[in-house]
C-alpha atoms as a PDB file:
ATOM      1  CA  UNK A   1     -42.977 -20.538   4.888  1.00  0.00           C
ATOM      2  CA  UNK A   2     -39.452 -20.033   3.506  1.00  0.00           C
ATOM      3  CA  UNK A   3     -37.742 -16.991   4.685  1.00  0.00           C
ATOM      4  CA  UNK A   4     -35.146 -14.881   2.255  1.00  0.00           C
ATOM      5  CA  UNK A   5     -31.707 -14.779   3.154  1.00  0.00           C
ATOM      6  CA  UNK A   6     -30.228 -11.269   3.425  1.00  0.00           C
ATOM      7  CA  UNK A   7     -28.073 -12.410   0.205  1.00  0.00           C
ATOM      8  CA  UNK A   8     -31.066 -13.029  -1.587  1.00  0.00           C
ATOM      9  CA  UNK A   9     -32.811  -9.722  -0.471  1.00  0.00           C
ATOM     10  CA  UNK A  10     -29.543  -8.065  -1.803  1.00  0.00           C
ATOM     11  CA  UNK A  11     -29.522  -9.691  -4.847  1.00  0.00           C
ATOM     12  CA  UNK A  12     -33.376  -8.897  -5.562  1.00  0.00           C
ATOM     13  CA  UNK A  13     -32.583  -5.413  -4.825  1.00  0.00           C
ATOM     14  CA  UNK A  14     -30.045  -5.256  -7.198  1.00  0.00           C
ATOM     15  CA  UNK A  15     -32.001  -6.876 -10.089  1.00  0.00           C
ATOM     16  CA  UNK A  16     -34.750  -4.512  -9.371  1.00  0.00           C
ATOM     17  CA  UNK A  17     -32.458  -1.384  -9.359  1.00  0.00           C
ATOM     18  CA  UNK A  18     -30.825  -2.583 -12.635  1.00  0.00           C
ATOM     19  CA  UNK A  19     -34.063  -3.093 -14.222  1.00  0.00           C
ATOM     20  CA  UNK A  20     -35.100   0.186 -13.301  1.00  0.00           C
ATOM     21  CA  UNK A  21     -31.998   1.704 -14.347  1.00  0.00           C
ATOM     22  CA  UNK A  22     -32.330   0.023 -17.954  1.00  0.00           C
ATOM     23  CA  UNK A  23     -35.992   1.461 -18.382  1.00  0.00           C
ATOM     24  CA  UNK A  24     -35.842   4.979 -20.449  1.00  0.00           C
ATOM     25  CA  UNK A  25     -38.996   6.120 -18.434  1.00  0.00           C
ATOM     26  CA  UNK A  26     -37.327   6.008 -15.007  1.00  0.00           C
ATOM     27  CA  UNK A  27     -35.512   8.816 -13.690  1.00  0.00           C
ATOM     28  CA  UNK A  28     -33.478   8.573 -10.613  1.00  0.00           C
ATOM     29  CA  UNK A  29     -33.789  11.280  -7.958  1.00  0.00           C
ATOM     30  CA  UNK A  30     -31.122   9.582  -5.746  1.00  0.00           C
ATOM     31  CA  UNK A  31     -27.710   7.378  -6.216  1.00  0.00           C
ATOM     32  CA  UNK A  32     -28.805   3.741  -7.321  1.00  0.00           C
ATOM     33  CA  UNK A  33     -27.212   2.223  -4.144  1.00  0.00           C
ATOM     34  CA  UNK A  34     -29.528   4.416  -2.047  1.00  0.00           C
ATOM     35  CA  UNK A  35     -32.771   3.227  -3.994  1.00  0.00           C
ATOM     36  CA  UNK A  36     -31.222  -0.316  -3.551  1.00  0.00           C
ATOM     37  CA  UNK A  37     -31.240   0.089   0.034  1.00  0.00           C
ATOM     38  CA  UNK A  38     -34.602   1.502   0.034  1.00  0.00           C
ATOM     39  CA  UNK A  39     -35.668  -1.476  -1.968  1.00  0.00           C
ATOM     40  CA  UNK A  40     -33.917  -3.943   0.446  1.00  0.00           C
ATOM     41  CA  UNK A  41     -35.660  -2.343   3.782  1.00  0.00           C
ATOM     42  CA  UNK A  42     -39.130  -2.418   2.137  1.00  0.00           C
ATOM     43  CA  UNK A  43     -38.536  -6.434   0.994  1.00  0.00           C
ATOM     44  CA  UNK A  44     -37.126  -6.861   4.635  1.00  0.00           C
ATOM     45  CA  UNK A  45     -40.317  -5.161   6.226  1.00  0.00           C
ATOM     46  CA  UNK A  46     -42.669  -6.966   4.044  1.00  0.00           C
ATOM     47  CA  UNK A  47     -41.078 -10.381   4.925  1.00  0.00           C
ATOM     48  CA  UNK A  48     -41.484  -9.238   8.847  1.00  0.00           C
ATOM     49  CA  UNK A  49     -45.335  -8.767   8.260  1.00  0.00           C
ATOM     50  CA  UNK A  50     -45.493 -12.209   6.513  1.00  0.00           C
ATOM     51  CA  UNK A  51     -43.582 -13.909   9.264  1.00  0.00           C
ATOM     52  CA  UNK A  52     -46.171 -12.185  11.771  1.00  0.00           C
ATOM     53  CA  UNK A  53     -48.874 -13.669   9.755  1.00  0.00           C
ATOM     54  CA  UNK A  54     -47.567 -16.903   9.568  1.00  0.00           C
ATOM     55  CA  UNK A  55     -46.822 -16.809  13.593  1.00  0.00           C
ATOM     56  CA  UNK A  56     -50.648 -15.747  14.385  1.00  0.00           C
ATOM     57  CA  UNK A  57     -51.962 -18.643  12.186  1.00  0.00           C
ATOM     58  CA  UNK A  58     -49.726 -21.048  14.021  1.00  0.00           C
ATOM     59  CA  UNK A  59     -50.752 -19.711  17.467  1.00  0.00           C
ATOM     60  CA  UNK A  60     -54.122 -19.870  16.577  1.00  0.00           C
ATOM     61  CA  UNK A  61     -53.987 -23.660  15.859  1.00  0.00           C
ATOM     62  CA  UNK A  62     -52.106 -24.308  18.695  1.00  0.00           C
ATOM     63  CA  UNK A  63     -54.699 -22.669  20.952  1.00  0.00           C
ATOM     64  CA  UNK A  64     -57.400 -24.989  19.682  1.00  0.00           C
ATOM     65  CA  UNK A  65     -58.784 -27.288  22.323  1.00  0.00           C
ATOM     66  CA  UNK A  66     -57.590 -30.409  20.692  1.00  0.00           C
ATOM     67  CA  UNK A  67     -53.996 -31.158  19.381  1.00  0.00           C
ATOM     68  CA  UNK A  68     -53.666 -30.762  15.836  1.00  0.00           C
ATOM     69  CA  UNK A  69     -50.759 -32.557  14.383  1.00  0.00           C
ATOM     70  CA  UNK A  70     -48.746 -29.994  12.303  1.00  0.00           C
ATOM     71  CA  UNK A  71     -48.629 -31.428   8.789  1.00  0.00           C
ATOM     72  CA  UNK A  72     -51.723 -33.352   8.949  1.00  0.00           C
ATOM     73  CA  UNK A  73     -54.489 -32.125   6.744  1.00  0.00           C
ATOM     74  CA  UNK A  74     -56.770 -30.778   9.390  1.00  0.00           C
ATOM     75  CA  UNK A  75     -53.544 -28.704  10.140  1.00  0.00           C
ATOM     76  CA  UNK A  76     -53.155 -27.267   6.758  1.00  0.00           C
ATOM     77  CA  UNK A  77     -56.859 -26.521   6.442  1.00  0.00           C
ATOM     78  CA  UNK A  78     -56.652 -24.331   9.640  1.00  0.00           C
ATOM     79  CA  UNK A  79     -53.310 -22.653   8.790  1.00  0.00           C
ATOM     80  CA  UNK A  80     -54.474 -21.456   5.152  1.00  0.00           C
ATOM     81  CA  UNK A  81     -57.853 -20.223   7.162  1.00  0.00           C
ATOM     82  CA  UNK A  82     -56.092 -18.368   9.888  1.00  0.00           C
ATOM     83  CA  UNK A  83     -53.391 -17.074   7.542  1.00  0.00           C
ATOM     84  CA  UNK A  84     -55.764 -15.608   4.916  1.00  0.00           C
ATOM     85  CA  UNK A  85     -57.730 -14.015   7.683  1.00  0.00           C
ATOM     86  CA  UNK A  86     -54.852 -12.421   9.182  1.00  0.00           C
ATOM     87  CA  UNK A  87     -53.654 -11.433   5.768  1.00  0.00           C
ATOM     88  CA  UNK A  88     -57.141 -10.007   4.866  1.00  0.00           C
ATOM     89  CA  UNK A  89     -56.904  -8.062   8.114  1.00  0.00           C
ATOM     90  CA  UNK A  90     -53.818  -6.500   7.031  1.00  0.00           C
ATOM     91  CA  UNK A  91     -55.011  -5.621   3.420  1.00  0.00           C
ATOM     92  CA  UNK A  92     -57.808  -4.001   5.195  1.00  0.00           C
ATOM     93  CA  UNK A  93     -55.745  -1.980   7.481  1.00  0.00           C
ATOM     94  CA  UNK A  94     -53.692  -0.530   4.630  1.00  0.00           C
ATOM     95  CA  UNK A  95     -56.871   0.696   2.759  1.00  0.00           C
END
């Protein structure tokens, strides 16, 4: 899983604020930089959640009785299965 650098997150948060700023239906109740920082933190937190899901899926594969080589078809299938299971748990918690 590719991790976004701080620079990329900063860039994305600026793009979002600029898009919101250009939308006539959006009124800023705070300074644009404060909103950008809130968006930046939200993206960072989201990335942390996905990294935790990634780690849990990898741990489940590693706990198998037989060694499964990373990158193999079996590993990829198990990774997707476990990743989706963890993601499903997360979405159920947020409902």
